[in-house]
Amino acid sequence: MNPVYFDYYESPIGLIEIAGTSTAVIALNFVTERCRDVASHPLVVEAVRQVAEYFDGNRHQFDIEVAFEGTDFQQQVWHQLQTVRYGCVVSYQDIARAMGRPTAVRAVGAANARNPVAIMVPCHRVIGKNGKLVGYNSGLWRKEWLLKHEGHPVSAA
């Protein structure tokens, strides 16, 4: 098993913990405190740099490898999320249809909620089909902030 490296980034909306191996980012999550010693690797340092550029408004697309552990369906959802461009939003139904599984809307929502690499895999860009904010494990206020940061203001449900 590859060693896992950690680093942190203090974003405008909270502390982010980034975990990665020597080949890919495997987790990016908002946390309340630094729970691990920083044992970084150049790939994780690069991930922190790219996240900082995103929050500074200078990066609209990440070009760093990410790796997922999940079911085949979850991985399909997470890969589909990566096609949603900066400043755009889609519904859970849009994702399900794009995957060729139009009736799997709830399953898409469940997979979206388990996204291990927030921001880089932009689950925050998925909204309800009525155009309202719904579901975000790190808080709807963060989702709203991220969408406004990307130039797409939406309102809470």
N, C-alpha and C. Protein backbone atom coordinates (compact mmCIF):
# COMPACT_ATOMS: atom_id res chain seq x y z
N MET A 1 0.84 -1.18 0.00
CA MET A 1 0.00 0.00 0.00
C MET A 1 0.89 1.25 0.00
N ASN A 2 0.52 2.23 -0.80
CA ASN A 2 1.27 3.48 -0.87
C ASN A 2 1.11 4.30 0.40
N PRO A 3 2.16 4.97 0.85
CA PRO A 3 2.00 5.85 2.00
C PRO A 3 1.05 7.00 1.64
N VAL A 4 0.37 7.52 2.65
CA VAL A 4 -0.53 8.65 2.46
C VAL A 4 0.10 9.87 3.12
N TYR A 5 0.11 10.97 2.38
CA TYR A 5 0.69 12.23 2.83
C TYR A 5 -0.42 13.25 3.05
N PHE A 6 -0.19 14.17 4.00
CA PHE A 6 -1.22 15.15 4.34
C PHE A 6 -0.64 16.55 4.35
N ASP A 7 -1.50 17.50 4.03
CA ASP A 7 -1.18 18.91 4.18
C ASP A 7 -2.49 19.66 4.38
N TYR A 8 -2.39 20.92 4.75
CA TYR A 8 -3.57 21.73 5.05
C TYR A 8 -3.51 23.06 4.31
N TYR A 9 -4.71 23.58 4.05
CA TYR A 9 -4.83 24.91 3.45
C TYR A 9 -5.93 25.65 4.20
N GLU A 10 -5.61 26.86 4.65
CA GLU A 10 -6.60 27.68 5.35
C GLU A 10 -7.33 28.52 4.30
N SER A 11 -8.51 28.07 3.90
CA SER A 11 -9.29 28.75 2.87
C SER A 11 -10.16 29.84 3.50
N PRO A 12 -10.74 30.70 2.70
CA PRO A 12 -11.65 31.72 3.24
C PRO A 12 -12.90 31.14 3.89
N ILE A 13 -13.18 29.86 3.64
CA ILE A 13 -14.37 29.24 4.21
C ILE A 13 -14.03 28.06 5.11
N GLY A 14 -12.82 28.02 5.59
CA GLY A 14 -12.45 26.99 6.55
C GLY A 14 -11.21 26.20 6.16
N LEU A 15 -10.72 25.49 7.14
CA LEU A 15 -9.52 24.68 6.99
C LEU A 15 -9.80 23.47 6.11
N ILE A 16 -8.90 23.22 5.16
CA ILE A 16 -9.03 22.08 4.25
C ILE A 16 -7.86 21.14 4.48
N GLU A 17 -8.18 19.86 4.63
CA GLU A 17 -7.16 18.81 4.72
C GLU A 17 -7.09 18.10 3.37
N ILE A 18 -5.88 18.01 2.85
CA ILE A 18 -5.66 17.34 1.57
C ILE A 18 -4.78 16.13 1.82
N ALA A 19 -5.23 14.99 1.31
CA ALA A 19 -4.47 13.75 1.45
C ALA A 19 -4.15 13.21 0.06
N GLY A 20 -2.97 12.64 -0.06
CA GLY A 20 -2.60 12.06 -1.34
C GLY A 20 -1.51 11.02 -1.19
N THR A 21 -1.34 10.27 -2.25
CA THR A 21 -0.23 9.33 -2.34
C THR A 21 0.85 10.00 -3.18
N SER A 22 1.83 9.26 -3.58
CA SER A 22 2.86 9.84 -4.44
C SER A 22 2.36 10.04 -5.87
N THR A 23 1.16 9.52 -6.17
CA THR A 23 0.65 9.60 -7.54
C THR A 23 -0.68 10.33 -7.70
N ALA A 24 -1.44 10.52 -6.62
CA ALA A 24 -2.78 11.12 -6.78
C ALA A 24 -3.31 11.69 -5.47
N VAL A 25 -4.15 12.69 -5.59
CA VAL A 25 -4.91 13.20 -4.44
C VAL A 25 -6.03 12.20 -4.20
N ILE A 26 -6.22 11.82 -2.94
CA ILE A 26 -7.25 10.84 -2.61
C ILE A 26 -8.34 11.42 -1.71
N ALA A 27 -8.09 12.59 -1.12
CA ALA A 27 -9.12 13.21 -0.28
C ALA A 27 -8.86 14.70 -0.16
N LEU A 28 -9.95 15.46 -0.15
CA LEU A 28 -9.90 16.90 0.08
C LEU A 28 -11.18 17.22 0.84
N ASN A 29 -11.03 17.57 2.11
CA ASN A 29 -12.19 17.78 2.97
C ASN A 29 -12.01 18.99 3.87
N PHE A 30 -13.12 19.64 4.19
CA PHE A 30 -13.12 20.69 5.20
C PHE A 30 -13.05 20.02 6.57
N VAL A 31 -12.19 20.53 7.44
CA VAL A 31 -12.04 20.00 8.79
C VAL A 31 -12.04 21.15 9.78
N THR A 32 -12.28 20.85 11.04
CA THR A 32 -12.32 21.90 12.06
C THR A 32 -10.96 22.18 12.67
N GLU A 33 -10.05 21.21 12.58
CA GLU A 33 -8.71 21.42 13.12
C GLU A 33 -7.72 20.50 12.44
N ARG A 34 -6.45 20.83 12.62
CA ARG A 34 -5.38 19.97 12.08
C ARG A 34 -5.27 18.75 12.98
N CYS A 35 -5.63 17.62 12.44
CA CYS A 35 -5.65 16.38 13.23
C CYS A 35 -4.43 15.50 12.98
N ARG A 36 -3.67 15.84 11.95
CA ARG A 36 -2.53 15.01 11.58
C ARG A 36 -1.30 15.89 11.46
N ASP A 37 -0.17 15.28 11.68
CA ASP A 37 1.07 15.98 11.40
C ASP A 37 1.20 16.11 9.88
N VAL A 38 1.72 17.23 9.45
CA VAL A 38 1.96 17.40 8.03
C VAL A 38 3.13 16.50 7.63
N ALA A 39 2.81 15.56 6.78
CA ALA A 39 3.82 14.66 6.21
C ALA A 39 3.59 14.74 4.72
N SER A 40 4.12 15.77 4.12
CA SER A 40 3.75 16.09 2.76
C SER A 40 4.65 15.44 1.73
N HIS A 41 4.22 15.58 0.51
CA HIS A 41 4.88 15.04 -0.67
C HIS A 41 4.72 16.11 -1.75
N PRO A 42 5.61 16.20 -2.72
CA PRO A 42 5.48 17.23 -3.77
C PRO A 42 4.10 17.24 -4.44
N LEU A 43 3.48 16.08 -4.63
CA LEU A 43 2.16 16.06 -5.25
C LEU A 43 1.12 16.75 -4.36
N VAL A 44 1.19 16.52 -3.07
CA VAL A 44 0.24 17.15 -2.14
C VAL A 44 0.54 18.65 -2.03
N VAL A 45 1.79 19.02 -2.04
CA VAL A 45 2.16 20.45 -2.05
C VAL A 45 1.58 21.13 -3.29
N GLU A 46 1.66 20.45 -4.43
CA GLU A 46 1.08 20.98 -5.67
C GLU A 46 -0.44 21.10 -5.56
N ALA A 47 -1.07 20.14 -4.92
CA ALA A 47 -2.52 20.21 -4.72
C ALA A 47 -2.89 21.42 -3.86
N VAL A 48 -2.13 21.67 -2.81
CA VAL A 48 -2.37 22.84 -1.96
C VAL A 48 -2.21 24.12 -2.79
N ARG A 49 -1.18 24.16 -3.63
CA ARG A 49 -0.95 25.33 -4.48
C ARG A 49 -2.12 25.57 -5.42
N GLN A 50 -2.62 24.50 -6.03
CA GLN A 50 -3.73 24.64 -6.96
C GLN A 50 -5.02 25.05 -6.24
N VAL A 51 -5.25 24.53 -5.05
CA VAL A 51 -6.43 24.93 -4.27
C VAL A 51 -6.32 26.41 -3.89
N ALA A 52 -5.14 26.85 -3.50
CA ALA A 52 -4.94 28.27 -3.18
C ALA A 52 -5.22 29.13 -4.41
N GLU A 53 -4.76 28.71 -5.57
CA GLU A 53 -5.04 29.45 -6.81
C GLU A 53 -6.53 29.50 -7.10
N TYR A 54 -7.23 28.41 -6.83
CA TYR A 54 -8.69 28.38 -7.02
C TYR A 54 -9.34 29.44 -6.13
N PHE A 55 -8.98 29.46 -4.87
CA PHE A 55 -9.58 30.43 -3.95
C PHE A 55 -9.16 31.85 -4.25
N ASP A 56 -7.99 32.03 -4.83
CA ASP A 56 -7.55 33.37 -5.25
C ASP A 56 -8.23 33.83 -6.54
N GLY A 57 -8.98 32.93 -7.19
CA GLY A 57 -9.66 33.26 -8.43
C GLY A 57 -8.79 33.09 -9.66
N ASN A 58 -7.62 32.47 -9.51
CA ASN A 58 -6.68 32.32 -10.62
C ASN A 58 -6.67 30.92 -11.24
N ARG A 59 -7.52 30.03 -10.76
CA ARG A 59 -7.57 28.67 -11.32
C ARG A 59 -9.02 28.27 -11.46
N HIS A 60 -9.37 27.82 -12.67
CA HIS A 60 -10.73 27.37 -12.93
C HIS A 60 -10.81 25.88 -13.20
N GLN A 61 -9.67 25.25 -13.34
CA GLN A 61 -9.62 23.82 -13.62
C GLN A 61 -8.38 23.24 -12.93
N PHE A 62 -8.55 22.09 -12.31
CA PHE A 62 -7.43 21.42 -11.65
C PHE A 62 -6.77 20.46 -12.62
N ASP A 63 -5.44 20.44 -12.59
CA ASP A 63 -4.73 19.52 -13.47
C ASP A 63 -3.78 18.65 -12.66
N ILE A 64 -4.38 18.01 -11.69
CA ILE A 64 -3.64 17.10 -10.83
C ILE A 64 -4.43 15.79 -10.77
N GLU A 65 -3.72 14.70 -10.71
CA GLU A 65 -4.37 13.38 -10.69
C GLU A 65 -5.15 13.19 -9.39
N VAL A 66 -6.37 12.66 -9.51
CA VAL A 66 -7.15 12.25 -8.34
C VAL A 66 -7.47 10.78 -8.48
N ALA A 67 -7.61 10.11 -7.37
CA ALA A 67 -7.94 8.68 -7.36
C ALA A 67 -9.08 8.46 -6.37
N PHE A 68 -10.01 7.61 -6.76
CA PHE A 68 -11.19 7.35 -5.93
C PHE A 68 -11.23 5.91 -5.47
N GLU A 69 -11.71 5.73 -4.27
CA GLU A 69 -12.08 4.40 -3.80
C GLU A 69 -13.57 4.43 -3.54
N GLY A 70 -14.29 3.62 -4.25
CA GLY A 70 -15.74 3.56 -4.11
C GLY A 70 -16.28 2.51 -5.05
N THR A 71 -17.60 2.35 -5.04
CA THR A 71 -18.22 1.39 -5.94
C THR A 71 -18.06 1.86 -7.39
N ASP A 72 -18.30 0.98 -8.31
CA ASP A 72 -18.22 1.36 -9.72
C ASP A 72 -19.19 2.52 -10.01
N PHE A 73 -20.40 2.44 -9.46
CA PHE A 73 -21.38 3.50 -9.69
C PHE A 73 -20.89 4.83 -9.12
N GLN A 74 -20.39 4.83 -7.88
CA GLN A 74 -19.86 6.06 -7.28
C GLN A 74 -18.76 6.65 -8.15
N GLN A 75 -17.85 5.81 -8.60
CA GLN A 75 -16.76 6.30 -9.43
C GLN A 75 -17.27 6.90 -10.74
N GLN A 76 -18.31 6.30 -11.32
CA GLN A 76 -18.91 6.87 -12.53
C GLN A 76 -19.47 8.26 -12.24
N VAL A 77 -20.14 8.41 -11.11
CA VAL A 77 -20.70 9.71 -10.74
C VAL A 77 -19.57 10.72 -10.56
N TRP A 78 -18.52 10.35 -9.84
CA TRP A 78 -17.43 11.27 -9.56
C TRP A 78 -16.71 11.68 -10.84
N HIS A 79 -16.56 10.74 -11.76
CA HIS A 79 -15.95 11.08 -13.05
C HIS A 79 -16.86 12.03 -13.84
N GLN A 80 -18.16 11.81 -13.76
CA GLN A 80 -19.10 12.70 -14.45
C GLN A 80 -19.06 14.10 -13.84
N LEU A 81 -18.90 14.18 -12.52
CA LEU A 81 -18.81 15.49 -11.86
C LEU A 81 -17.62 16.29 -12.40
N GLN A 82 -16.56 15.62 -12.76
CA GLN A 82 -15.38 16.31 -13.25
C GLN A 82 -15.60 16.97 -14.61
N THR A 83 -16.71 16.66 -15.26
CA THR A 83 -17.00 17.29 -16.55
C THR A 83 -17.77 18.60 -16.38
N VAL A 84 -18.24 18.89 -15.17
CA VAL A 84 -19.01 20.11 -14.93
C VAL A 84 -18.04 21.28 -14.81
N ARG A 85 -18.14 22.20 -15.73
CA ARG A 85 -17.17 23.29 -15.83
C ARG A 85 -17.38 24.35 -14.76
N TYR A 86 -16.31 25.03 -14.46
CA TYR A 86 -16.28 26.16 -13.53
C TYR A 86 -17.38 27.15 -13.91
N GLY A 87 -18.15 27.60 -12.93
CA GLY A 87 -19.19 28.58 -13.16
C GLY A 87 -20.50 28.01 -13.65
N CYS A 88 -20.55 26.70 -13.87
CA CYS A 88 -21.76 26.04 -14.36
C CYS A 88 -22.36 25.20 -13.24
N VAL A 89 -23.64 24.93 -13.34
CA VAL A 89 -24.29 24.02 -12.41
C VAL A 89 -25.11 23.01 -13.20
N VAL A 90 -25.33 21.87 -12.59
CA VAL A 90 -26.17 20.82 -13.16
C VAL A 90 -27.04 20.26 -12.04
N SER A 91 -28.05 19.52 -12.40
CA SER A 91 -28.89 18.87 -11.40
C SER A 91 -28.46 17.41 -11.25
N TYR A 92 -28.94 16.78 -10.19
CA TYR A 92 -28.68 15.35 -10.01
C TYR A 92 -29.26 14.58 -11.20
N GLN A 93 -30.40 15.04 -11.69
CA GLN A 93 -31.02 14.40 -12.84
C GLN A 93 -30.14 14.53 -14.09
N ASP A 94 -29.52 15.70 -14.27
CA ASP A 94 -28.61 15.88 -15.40
C ASP A 94 -27.46 14.88 -15.34
N ILE A 95 -26.91 14.68 -14.16
CA ILE A 95 -25.81 13.72 -13.99
C ILE A 95 -26.28 12.31 -14.32
N ALA A 96 -27.45 11.94 -13.78
CA ALA A 96 -27.99 10.60 -14.03
C ALA A 96 -28.21 10.38 -15.52
N ARG A 97 -28.77 11.36 -16.20
CA ARG A 97 -29.01 11.23 -17.65
C ARG A 97 -27.68 11.12 -18.41
N ALA A 98 -26.71 11.94 -18.03
CA ALA A 98 -25.41 11.91 -18.72
C ALA A 98 -24.73 10.56 -18.56
N MET A 99 -25.03 9.86 -17.48
CA MET A 99 -24.46 8.54 -17.24
C MET A 99 -25.26 7.44 -17.93
N GLY A 100 -26.39 7.82 -18.56
CA GLY A 100 -27.25 6.82 -19.18
C GLY A 100 -28.10 6.08 -18.19
N ARG A 101 -28.29 6.66 -17.00
CA ARG A 101 -29.08 6.05 -15.92
C ARG A 101 -30.13 7.06 -15.43
N PRO A 102 -31.09 7.46 -16.28
CA PRO A 102 -32.00 8.55 -15.95
C PRO A 102 -32.86 8.35 -14.70
N THR A 103 -33.04 7.12 -14.27
CA THR A 103 -33.85 6.87 -13.08
C THR A 103 -33.01 6.77 -11.80
N ALA A 104 -31.73 6.96 -11.91
CA ALA A 104 -30.83 6.79 -10.76
C ALA A 104 -30.55 8.11 -10.03
N VAL A 105 -31.51 9.02 -10.04
CA VAL A 105 -31.30 10.35 -9.47
C VAL A 105 -30.92 10.28 -7.99
N ARG A 106 -31.62 9.50 -7.21
CA ARG A 106 -31.31 9.40 -5.77
C ARG A 106 -29.96 8.75 -5.53
N ALA A 107 -29.64 7.75 -6.31
CA ALA A 107 -28.33 7.10 -6.18
C ALA A 107 -27.21 8.07 -6.55
N VAL A 108 -27.46 8.91 -7.55
CA VAL A 108 -26.48 9.94 -7.91
C VAL A 108 -26.29 10.89 -6.73
N GLY A 109 -27.40 11.29 -6.10
CA GLY A 109 -27.30 12.16 -4.92
C GLY A 109 -26.51 11.53 -3.80
N ALA A 110 -26.73 10.25 -3.57
CA ALA A 110 -25.99 9.55 -2.51
C ALA A 110 -24.51 9.46 -2.84
N ALA A 111 -24.18 9.18 -4.09
CA ALA A 111 -22.77 9.12 -4.50
C ALA A 111 -22.13 10.51 -4.41
N ASN A 112 -22.87 11.51 -4.82
CA ASN A 112 -22.38 12.89 -4.76
C ASN A 112 -22.00 13.25 -3.32
N ALA A 113 -22.83 12.83 -2.37
CA ALA A 113 -22.58 13.12 -0.96
C ALA A 113 -21.34 12.41 -0.41
N ARG A 114 -20.90 11.37 -1.08
CA ARG A 114 -19.74 10.60 -0.63
C ARG A 114 -18.46 10.95 -1.40
N ASN A 115 -18.51 12.01 -2.18
CA ASN A 115 -17.35 12.45 -2.95
C ASN A 115 -16.17 12.69 -2.00
N PRO A 116 -15.08 11.97 -2.18
CA PRO A 116 -13.95 12.12 -1.27
C PRO A 116 -13.02 13.30 -1.59
N VAL A 117 -13.20 13.92 -2.75
CA VAL A 117 -12.25 14.96 -3.18
C VAL A 117 -13.04 16.23 -3.53
N ALA A 118 -13.57 16.87 -2.49
CA ALA A 118 -14.37 18.08 -2.69
C ALA A 118 -13.57 19.13 -3.46
N ILE A 119 -14.26 20.02 -4.10
CA ILE A 119 -13.74 21.13 -4.89
C ILE A 119 -13.06 20.64 -6.17
N MET A 120 -12.05 19.79 -6.06
CA MET A 120 -11.39 19.27 -7.26
C MET A 120 -12.35 18.41 -8.07
N VAL A 121 -13.19 17.67 -7.41
CA VAL A 121 -14.29 16.95 -8.03
C VAL A 121 -15.53 17.73 -7.58
N PRO A 122 -16.03 18.62 -8.43
CA PRO A 122 -16.92 19.70 -8.00
C PRO A 122 -18.36 19.30 -7.69
N CYS A 123 -18.54 18.57 -6.62
CA CYS A 123 -19.89 18.19 -6.20
C CYS A 123 -20.71 19.41 -5.79
N HIS A 124 -20.05 20.51 -5.47
CA HIS A 124 -20.77 21.74 -5.10
C HIS A 124 -21.52 22.33 -6.30
N ARG A 125 -21.21 21.90 -7.50
CA ARG A 125 -21.86 22.43 -8.70
C ARG A 125 -23.16 21.69 -9.04
N VAL A 126 -23.57 20.77 -8.18
CA VAL A 126 -24.81 20.03 -8.40
C VAL A 126 -25.89 20.64 -7.50
N ILE A 127 -26.98 21.06 -8.15
CA ILE A 127 -28.09 21.70 -7.42
C ILE A 127 -29.38 20.94 -7.72
N GLY A 128 -30.44 21.31 -7.03
CA GLY A 128 -31.74 20.69 -7.28
C GLY A 128 -32.27 21.07 -8.65
N LYS A 129 -33.16 20.25 -9.19
CA LYS A 129 -33.68 20.55 -10.53
C LYS A 129 -34.51 21.82 -10.54
N ASN A 130 -34.92 22.29 -9.34
CA ASN A 130 -35.65 23.56 -9.24
C ASN A 130 -34.70 24.76 -9.18
N GLY A 131 -33.39 24.50 -9.28
CA GLY A 131 -32.41 25.57 -9.26
C GLY A 131 -31.97 26.01 -7.88
N LYS A 132 -32.44 25.33 -6.85
CA LYS A 132 -32.10 25.69 -5.47
C LYS A 132 -30.94 24.85 -4.95
N LEU A 133 -30.27 25.39 -3.95
CA LEU A 133 -29.19 24.64 -3.30
C LEU A 133 -29.79 23.51 -2.48
N VAL A 134 -29.22 22.35 -2.65
CA VAL A 134 -29.61 21.19 -1.83
C VAL A 134 -28.35 20.41 -1.51
N GLY A 135 -28.30 19.84 -0.33
CA GLY A 135 -27.26 18.93 0.08
C GLY A 135 -25.82 19.31 -0.19
N TYR A 136 -25.07 19.48 0.86
CA TYR A 136 -23.62 19.62 0.78
C TYR A 136 -23.08 19.26 2.15
N ASN A 137 -22.29 18.20 2.22
CA ASN A 137 -21.81 17.70 3.50
C ASN A 137 -21.06 18.74 4.32
N SER A 138 -20.44 19.69 3.66
CA SER A 138 -19.67 20.71 4.38
C SER A 138 -20.50 21.95 4.69
N GLY A 139 -21.79 21.88 4.46
CA GLY A 139 -22.70 22.98 4.77
C GLY A 139 -23.13 23.75 3.54
N LEU A 140 -24.43 24.03 3.46
CA LEU A 140 -24.96 24.77 2.31
C LEU A 140 -24.34 26.15 2.18
N TRP A 141 -23.94 26.75 3.30
CA TRP A 141 -23.32 28.07 3.23
C TRP A 141 -22.01 28.01 2.45
N ARG A 142 -21.27 26.91 2.62
CA ARG A 142 -20.04 26.75 1.85
C ARG A 142 -20.34 26.55 0.37
N LYS A 143 -21.34 25.72 0.09
CA LYS A 143 -21.72 25.48 -1.30
C LYS A 143 -22.11 26.80 -1.96
N GLU A 144 -22.90 27.60 -1.28
CA GLU A 144 -23.32 28.89 -1.80
C GLU A 144 -22.11 29.79 -2.04
N TRP A 145 -21.17 29.81 -1.10
CA TRP A 145 -19.96 30.62 -1.24
C TRP A 145 -19.17 30.18 -2.47
N LEU A 146 -18.99 28.87 -2.62
CA LEU A 146 -18.21 28.35 -3.75
C LEU A 146 -18.86 28.71 -5.08
N LEU A 147 -20.18 28.57 -5.17
CA LEU A 147 -20.86 28.90 -6.42
C LEU A 147 -20.79 30.40 -6.71
N LYS A 148 -20.94 31.22 -5.69
CA LYS A 148 -20.80 32.68 -5.90
C LYS A 148 -19.37 33.01 -6.31
N HIS A 149 -18.40 32.36 -5.70
CA HIS A 149 -17.00 32.55 -6.05
C HIS A 149 -16.77 32.26 -7.53
N GLU A 150 -17.50 31.28 -8.05
CA GLU A 150 -17.38 30.90 -9.45
C GLU A 150 -18.29 31.72 -10.36
N GLY A 151 -18.99 32.69 -9.77
CA GLY A 151 -19.84 33.56 -10.57
C GLY A 151 -21.22 33.04 -10.86
N HIS A 152 -21.70 32.10 -10.05
CA HIS A 152 -23.03 31.53 -10.26
C HIS A 152 -23.84 31.59 -8.97
N PRO A 153 -24.37 32.75 -8.63
CA PRO A 153 -25.14 32.84 -7.39
C PRO A 153 -26.47 32.08 -7.49
N VAL A 154 -26.73 31.32 -6.49
CA VAL A 154 -28.01 30.62 -6.37
C VAL A 154 -28.49 30.78 -4.94
N SER A 155 -29.74 30.50 -4.70
CA SER A 155 -30.28 30.67 -3.35
C SER A 155 -30.55 29.33 -2.69
N ALA A 156 -30.54 29.36 -1.37
CA ALA A 156 -30.79 28.14 -0.60
C ALA A 156 -32.25 27.71 -0.79
N ALA A 157 -32.49 26.42 -0.62
CA ALA A 157 -33.84 25.88 -0.78
C ALA A 157 -34.78 26.39 0.28
